[in-house]
Amino acid sequence: MPDPVPAVDTKIEYWYGEEEKKARKENLAYTCRVYPQTVAKEFKGLAHAELVLMFPELFYEEVTRFMETE
């Protein structure tokens, strides 16, 4: 990341699977610190990339929901 990190005011959701929560802890904390508008969204029972690979319909629903919200 550049230093200083440029300010952005876009909405951000940080998606991760429940099974990878521990591995994402530092990344999520950093992202929330640098971009305070970040909303964390945990997907129960999923590991890394399983949302898109194993549940493409749910992935599509989530992307659509995210893009349509203000």
PDB file of N, CA and C in Angstrom:
ATOM      1  N   MET A   1       0.838  -1.172   0.000  1.00  0.00           N
ATOM      2  CA  MET A   1       0.000   0.000   0.000  1.00  0.00           C
ATOM      3  C   MET A   1       0.885   1.237   0.000  1.00  0.00           C
ATOM      4  N   PRO A   2       0.443   2.259  -0.703  1.00  0.00           N
ATOM      5  CA  PRO A   2       1.209   3.511  -0.663  1.00  0.00           C
ATOM      6  C   PRO A   2       1.144   4.122   0.737  1.00  0.00           C
ATOM      7  N   ASP A   3       2.146   4.903   1.057  1.00  0.00           N
ATOM      8  CA  ASP A   3       2.172   5.576   2.346  1.00  0.00           C
ATOM      9  C   ASP A   3       2.349   7.068   2.100  1.00  0.00           C
ATOM     10  N   PRO A   4       1.371   7.867   2.399  1.00  0.00           N
ATOM     11  CA  PRO A   4       0.121   7.540   3.082  1.00  0.00           C
ATOM     12  C   PRO A   4      -0.893   6.906   2.125  1.00  0.00           C
ATOM     13  N   VAL A   5      -1.799   6.156   2.704  1.00  0.00           N
ATOM     14  CA  VAL A   5      -2.871   5.531   1.930  1.00  0.00           C
ATOM     15  C   VAL A   5      -3.847   6.627   1.519  1.00  0.00           C
ATOM     16  N   PRO A   6      -4.192   6.712   0.232  1.00  0.00           N
ATOM     17  CA  PRO A   6      -5.127   7.750  -0.199  1.00  0.00           C
ATOM     18  C   PRO A   6      -6.507   7.554   0.434  1.00  0.00           C
ATOM     19  N   ALA A   7      -7.129   8.640   0.784  1.00  0.00           N
ATOM     20  CA  ALA A   7      -8.477   8.584   1.353  1.00  0.00           C
ATOM     21  C   ALA A   7      -9.482   8.272   0.250  1.00  0.00           C
ATOM     22  N   VAL A   8     -10.414   7.406   0.565  1.00  0.00           N
ATOM     23  CA  VAL A   8     -11.513   7.117  -0.352  1.00  0.00           C
ATOM     24  C   VAL A   8     -12.805   7.131   0.450  1.00  0.00           C
ATOM     25  N   ASP A   9     -13.882   7.494  -0.206  1.00  0.00           N
ATOM     26  CA  ASP A   9     -15.158   7.524   0.503  1.00  0.00           C
ATOM     27  C   ASP A   9     -16.149   6.521  -0.072  1.00  0.00           C
ATOM     28  N   THR A  10     -15.665   5.578  -0.817  1.00  0.00           N
ATOM     29  CA  THR A  10     -16.522   4.544  -1.389  1.00  0.00           C
ATOM     30  C   THR A  10     -16.908   3.523  -0.320  1.00  0.00           C
ATOM     31  N   LYS A  11     -18.021   2.869  -0.534  1.00  0.00           N
ATOM     32  CA  LYS A  11     -18.407   1.816   0.404  1.00  0.00           C
ATOM     33  C   LYS A  11     -17.509   0.598   0.181  1.00  0.00           C
ATOM     34  N   ILE A  12     -17.231  -0.090   1.263  1.00  0.00           N
ATOM     35  CA  ILE A  12     -16.359  -1.266   1.209  1.00  0.00           C
ATOM     36  C   ILE A  12     -16.965  -2.347   2.089  1.00  0.00           C
ATOM     37  N   GLU A  13     -17.052  -3.556   1.570  1.00  0.00           N
ATOM     38  CA  GLU A  13     -17.383  -4.715   2.376  1.00  0.00           C
ATOM     39  C   GLU A  13     -16.215  -5.682   2.290  1.00  0.00           C
ATOM     40  N   TYR A  14     -15.788  -6.177   3.430  1.00  0.00           N
ATOM     41  CA  TYR A  14     -14.691  -7.134   3.502  1.00  0.00           C
ATOM     42  C   TYR A  14     -15.323  -8.492   3.755  1.00  0.00           C
ATOM     43  N   TRP A  15     -15.329  -9.322   2.742  1.00  0.00           N
ATOM     44  CA  TRP A  15     -15.952 -10.641   2.823  1.00  0.00           C
ATOM     45  C   TRP A  15     -14.904 -11.688   3.158  1.00  0.00           C
ATOM     46  N   TYR A  16     -15.267 -12.596   4.056  1.00  0.00           N
ATOM     47  CA  TYR A  16     -14.375 -13.695   4.399  1.00  0.00           C
ATOM     48  C   TYR A  16     -15.205 -14.860   4.931  1.00  0.00           C
ATOM     49  N   GLY A  17     -14.656 -16.040   4.805  1.00  0.00           N
ATOM     50  CA  GLY A  17     -15.321 -17.231   5.308  1.00  0.00           C
ATOM     51  C   GLY A  17     -15.014 -17.446   6.781  1.00  0.00           C
ATOM     52  N   GLU A  18     -15.959 -17.989   7.479  1.00  0.00           N
ATOM     53  CA  GLU A  18     -15.795 -18.266   8.910  1.00  0.00           C
ATOM     54  C   GLU A  18     -14.534 -19.085   9.178  1.00  0.00           C
ATOM     55  N   GLU A  19     -14.240 -20.034   8.292  1.00  0.00           N
ATOM     56  CA  GLU A  19     -13.090 -20.921   8.479  1.00  0.00           C
ATOM     57  C   GLU A  19     -11.749 -20.226   8.251  1.00  0.00           C
ATOM     58  N   GLU A  20     -11.752 -19.035   7.690  1.00  0.00           N
ATOM     59  CA  GLU A  20     -10.505 -18.306   7.466  1.00  0.00           C
ATOM     60  C   GLU A  20     -10.405 -17.060   8.342  1.00  0.00           C
ATOM     61  N   LYS A  21     -11.306 -16.940   9.293  1.00  0.00           N
ATOM     62  CA  LYS A  21     -11.371 -15.746  10.139  1.00  0.00           C
ATOM     63  C   LYS A  21     -10.026 -15.434  10.804  1.00  0.00           C
ATOM     64  N   LYS A  22      -9.402 -16.436  11.373  1.00  0.00           N
ATOM     65  CA  LYS A  22      -8.126 -16.225  12.060  1.00  0.00           C
ATOM     66  C   LYS A  22      -7.057 -15.706  11.094  1.00  0.00           C
ATOM     67  N   ALA A  23      -7.014 -16.269   9.898  1.00  0.00           N
ATOM     68  CA  ALA A  23      -6.015 -15.865   8.902  1.00  0.00           C
ATOM     69  C   ALA A  23      -6.251 -14.447   8.381  1.00  0.00           C
ATOM     70  N   ARG A  24      -7.469 -13.956   8.455  1.00  0.00           N
ATOM     71  CA  ARG A  24      -7.812 -12.631   7.931  1.00  0.00           C
ATOM     72  C   ARG A  24      -7.823 -11.549   9.000  1.00  0.00           C
ATOM     73  N   LYS A  25      -7.601 -11.919  10.250  1.00  0.00           N
ATOM     74  CA  LYS A  25      -7.727 -10.989  11.368  1.00  0.00           C
ATOM     75  C   LYS A  25      -6.902  -9.712  11.165  1.00  0.00           C
ATOM     76  N   GLU A  26      -5.632  -9.843  10.854  1.00  0.00           N
ATOM     77  CA  GLU A  26      -4.766  -8.665  10.685  1.00  0.00           C
ATOM     78  C   GLU A  26      -5.164  -7.852   9.459  1.00  0.00           C
ATOM     79  N   ASN A  27      -5.473  -8.530   8.350  1.00  0.00           N
ATOM     80  CA  ASN A  27      -5.879  -7.809   7.137  1.00  0.00           C
ATOM     81  C   ASN A  27      -7.165  -7.022   7.362  1.00  0.00           C
ATOM     82  N   LEU A  28      -8.114  -7.651   8.045  1.00  0.00           N
ATOM     83  CA  LEU A  28      -9.381  -6.990   8.324  1.00  0.00           C
ATOM     84  C   LEU A  28      -9.175  -5.792   9.241  1.00  0.00           C
ATOM     85  N   ALA A  29      -8.374  -5.951  10.278  1.00  0.00           N
ATOM     86  CA  ALA A  29      -8.100  -4.847  11.204  1.00  0.00           C
ATOM     87  C   ALA A  29      -7.440  -3.681  10.468  1.00  0.00           C
ATOM     88  N   TYR A  30      -6.490  -3.978   9.623  1.00  0.00           N
ATOM     89  CA  TYR A  30      -5.812  -2.933   8.843  1.00  0.00           C
ATOM     90  C   TYR A  30      -6.802  -2.211   7.932  1.00  0.00           C
ATOM     91  N   THR A  31      -7.600  -2.994   7.211  1.00  0.00           N
ATOM     92  CA  THR A  31      -8.562  -2.402   6.284  1.00  0.00           C
ATOM     93  C   THR A  31      -9.552  -1.503   7.021  1.00  0.00           C
ATOM     94  N   CYS A  32     -10.048  -1.956   8.155  1.00  0.00           N
ATOM     95  CA  CYS A  32     -11.004  -1.158   8.934  1.00  0.00           C
ATOM     96  C   CYS A  32     -10.360   0.094   9.512  1.00  0.00           C
ATOM     97  N   ARG A  33      -9.082   0.010   9.852  1.00  0.00           N
ATOM     98  CA  ARG A  33      -8.381   1.183  10.376  1.00  0.00           C
ATOM     99  C   ARG A  33      -8.157   2.223   9.283  1.00  0.00           C
ATOM    100  N   VAL A  34      -7.725   1.772   8.128  1.00  0.00           N
ATOM    101  CA  VAL A  34      -7.410   2.688   7.035  1.00  0.00           C
ATOM    102  C   VAL A  34      -8.677   3.209   6.351  1.00  0.00           C
ATOM    103  N   TYR A  35      -9.673   2.338   6.253  1.00  0.00           N
ATOM    104  CA  TYR A  35     -10.946   2.701   5.620  1.00  0.00           C
ATOM    105  C   TYR A  35     -12.067   2.443   6.626  1.00  0.00           C
ATOM    106  N   PRO A  36     -12.358   3.416   7.484  1.00  0.00           N
ATOM    107  CA  PRO A  36     -13.324   3.202   8.566  1.00  0.00           C
ATOM    108  C   PRO A  36     -14.745   2.894   8.097  1.00  0.00           C
ATOM    109  N   GLN A  37     -15.048   3.121   6.859  1.00  0.00           N
ATOM    110  CA  GLN A  37     -16.381   2.802   6.334  1.00  0.00           C
ATOM    111  C   GLN A  37     -16.530   1.313   5.992  1.00  0.00           C
ATOM    112  N   THR A  38     -15.478   0.539   6.196  1.00  0.00           N
ATOM    113  CA  THR A  38     -15.505  -0.892   5.887  1.00  0.00           C
ATOM    114  C   THR A  38     -16.513  -1.631   6.758  1.00  0.00           C
ATOM    115  N   VAL A  39     -17.288  -2.479   6.107  1.00  0.00           N
ATOM    116  CA  VAL A  39     -18.229  -3.356   6.807  1.00  0.00           C
ATOM    117  C   VAL A  39     -17.743  -4.788   6.604  1.00  0.00           C
ATOM    118  N   ALA A  40     -17.506  -5.491   7.702  1.00  0.00           N
ATOM    119  CA  ALA A  40     -17.064  -6.886   7.627  1.00  0.00           C
ATOM    120  C   ALA A  40     -18.274  -7.788   7.448  1.00  0.00           C
ATOM    121  N   LYS A  41     -18.151  -8.765   6.560  1.00  0.00           N
ATOM    122  CA  LYS A  41     -19.232  -9.730   6.338  1.00  0.00           C
ATOM    123  C   LYS A  41     -18.627 -11.127   6.348  1.00  0.00           C
ATOM    124  N   GLU A  42     -19.006 -11.890   7.346  1.00  0.00           N
ATOM    125  CA  GLU A  42     -18.510 -13.256   7.505  1.00  0.00           C
ATOM    126  C   GLU A  42     -19.539 -14.242   6.949  1.00  0.00           C
ATOM    127  N   PHE A  43     -19.057 -15.211   6.188  1.00  0.00           N
ATOM    128  CA  PHE A  43     -19.920 -16.248   5.629  1.00  0.00           C
ATOM    129  C   PHE A  43     -19.705 -17.528   6.431  1.00  0.00           C
ATOM    130  N   LYS A  44     -20.742 -17.905   7.170  1.00  0.00           N
ATOM    131  CA  LYS A  44     -20.680 -19.054   8.073  1.00  0.00           C
ATOM    132  C   LYS A  44     -20.327 -20.346   7.330  1.00  0.00           C
ATOM    133  N   GLY A  45     -19.410 -21.098   7.915  1.00  0.00           N
ATOM    134  CA  GLY A  45     -19.053 -22.410   7.401  1.00  0.00           C
ATOM    135  C   GLY A  45     -18.190 -22.429   6.164  1.00  0.00           C
ATOM    136  N   LEU A  46     -17.780 -21.277   5.659  1.00  0.00           N
ATOM    137  CA  LEU A  46     -16.990 -21.236   4.422  1.00  0.00           C
ATOM    138  C   LEU A  46     -15.523 -20.959   4.706  1.00  0.00           C
ATOM    139  N   ALA A  47     -14.670 -21.472   3.829  1.00  0.00           N
ATOM    140  CA  ALA A  47     -13.237 -21.203   3.875  1.00  0.00           C
ATOM    141  C   ALA A  47     -12.900 -20.243   2.732  1.00  0.00           C
ATOM    142  N   HIS A  48     -11.612 -20.029   2.525  1.00  0.00           N
ATOM    143  CA  HIS A  48     -11.157 -19.075   1.519  1.00  0.00           C
ATOM    144  C   HIS A  48     -11.681 -19.425   0.130  1.00  0.00           C
ATOM    145  N   ALA A  49     -12.299 -18.463  -0.525  1.00  0.00           N
ATOM    146  CA  ALA A  49     -12.783 -18.541  -1.908  1.00  0.00           C
ATOM    147  C   ALA A  49     -13.960 -19.489  -2.116  1.00  0.00           C
ATOM    148  N   GLU A  50     -14.462 -20.116  -1.073  1.00  0.00           N
ATOM    149  CA  GLU A  50     -15.580 -21.044  -1.265  1.00  0.00           C
ATOM    150  C   GLU A  50     -16.860 -20.352  -1.700  1.00  0.00           C
ATOM    151  N   LEU A  51     -17.055 -19.116  -1.314  1.00  0.00           N
ATOM    152  CA  LEU A  51     -18.270 -18.404  -1.729  1.00  0.00           C
ATOM    153  C   LEU A  51     -18.370 -18.379  -3.249  1.00  0.00           C
ATOM    154  N   VAL A  52     -17.332 -17.949  -3.897  1.00  0.00           N
ATOM    155  CA  VAL A  52     -17.374 -17.832  -5.354  1.00  0.00           C
ATOM    156  C   VAL A  52     -17.260 -19.190  -6.052  1.00  0.00           C
ATOM    157  N   LEU A  53     -16.467 -20.093  -5.495  1.00  0.00           N
ATOM    158  CA  LEU A  53     -16.245 -21.377  -6.159  1.00  0.00           C
ATOM    159  C   LEU A  53     -17.363 -22.395  -5.934  1.00  0.00           C
ATOM    160  N   MET A  54     -17.898 -22.420  -4.718  1.00  0.00           N
ATOM    161  CA  MET A  54     -18.870 -23.451  -4.366  1.00  0.00           C
ATOM    162  C   MET A  54     -20.315 -22.957  -4.364  1.00  0.00           C
ATOM    163  N   PHE A  55     -20.490 -21.652  -4.208  1.00  0.00           N
ATOM    164  CA  PHE A  55     -21.832 -21.080  -4.101  1.00  0.00           C
ATOM    165  C   PHE A  55     -21.972 -19.867  -5.011  1.00  0.00           C
ATOM    166  N   PRO A  56     -21.829 -20.059  -6.327  1.00  0.00           N
ATOM    167  CA  PRO A  56     -21.852 -18.914  -7.238  1.00  0.00           C
ATOM    168  C   PRO A  56     -23.178 -18.150  -7.219  1.00  0.00           C
ATOM    169  N   GLU A  57     -24.284 -18.842  -6.944  1.00  0.00           N
ATOM    170  CA  GLU A  57     -25.570 -18.139  -6.898  1.00  0.00           C
ATOM    171  C   GLU A  57     -25.606 -17.170  -5.716  1.00  0.00           C
ATOM    172  N   LEU A  58     -25.123 -17.604  -4.556  1.00  0.00           N
ATOM    173  CA  LEU A  58     -25.057 -16.728  -3.390  1.00  0.00           C
ATOM    174  C   LEU A  58     -24.079 -15.589  -3.638  1.00  0.00           C
ATOM    175  N   PHE A  59     -22.959 -15.895  -4.254  1.00  0.00           N
ATOM    176  CA  PHE A  59     -21.993 -14.847  -4.600  1.00  0.00           C
ATOM    177  C   PHE A  59     -22.657 -13.790  -5.474  1.00  0.00           C
ATOM    178  N   TYR A  60     -23.386 -14.223  -6.484  1.00  0.00           N
ATOM    179  CA  TYR A  60     -24.101 -13.297  -7.369  1.00  0.00           C
ATOM    180  C   TYR A  60     -25.100 -12.449  -6.581  1.00  0.00           C
ATOM    181  N   GLU A  61     -25.847 -13.078  -5.685  1.00  0.00           N
ATOM    182  CA  GLU A  61     -26.821 -12.345  -4.868  1.00  0.00           C
ATOM    183  C   GLU A  61     -26.132 -11.282  -4.012  1.00  0.00           C
ATOM    184  N   GLU A  62     -25.013 -11.652  -3.423  1.00  0.00           N
ATOM    185  CA  GLU A  62     -24.283 -10.705  -2.571  1.00  0.00           C
ATOM    186  C   GLU A  62     -23.705  -9.547  -3.383  1.00  0.00           C
ATOM    187  N   VAL A  63     -23.137  -9.837  -4.527  1.00  0.00           N
ATOM    188  CA  VAL A  63     -22.602  -8.768  -5.377  1.00  0.00           C
ATOM    189  C   VAL A  63     -23.733  -7.842  -5.821  1.00  0.00           C
ATOM    190  N   THR A  64     -24.842  -8.415  -6.221  1.00  0.00           N
ATOM    191  CA  THR A  64     -25.987  -7.622  -6.667  1.00  0.00           C
ATOM    192  C   THR A  64     -26.489  -6.749  -5.512  1.00  0.00           C
ATOM    193  N   ARG A  65     -26.648  -7.331  -4.324  1.00  0.00           N
ATOM    194  CA  ARG A  65     -27.092  -6.561  -3.159  1.00  0.00           C
ATOM    195  C   ARG A  65     -26.135  -5.407  -2.876  1.00  0.00           C
ATOM    196  N   PHE A  66     -24.854  -5.707  -2.887  1.00  0.00           N
ATOM    197  CA  PHE A  66     -23.852  -4.683  -2.596  1.00  0.00           C
ATOM    198  C   PHE A  66     -23.902  -3.539  -3.617  1.00  0.00           C
ATOM    199  N   MET A  67     -24.020  -3.890  -4.870  1.00  0.00           N
ATOM    200  CA  MET A  67     -24.015  -2.872  -5.930  1.00  0.00           C
ATOM    201  C   MET A  67     -25.290  -2.028  -5.923  1.00  0.00           C
ATOM    202  N   GLU A  68     -26.377  -2.583  -5.417  1.00  0.00           N
ATOM    203  CA  GLU A  68     -27.651  -1.862  -5.443  1.00  0.00           C
ATOM    204  C   GLU A  68     -27.890  -1.003  -4.191  1.00  0.00           C
ATOM    205  N   THR A  69     -27.112  -1.206  -3.143  1.00  0.00           N
ATOM    206  CA  THR A  69     -27.317  -0.437  -1.923  1.00  0.00           C
ATOM    207  C   THR A  69     -26.556   0.888  -1.982  1.00  0.00           C
ATOM    208  N   GLU A  70     -27.058   1.813  -1.258  1.00  0.00           N
ATOM    209  CA  GLU A  70     -26.402   3.126  -1.199  1.00  0.00           C
ATOM    210  C   GLU A  70     -25.365   3.173  -0.130  1.00  0.00           C
TER     211      GLU A  70
END
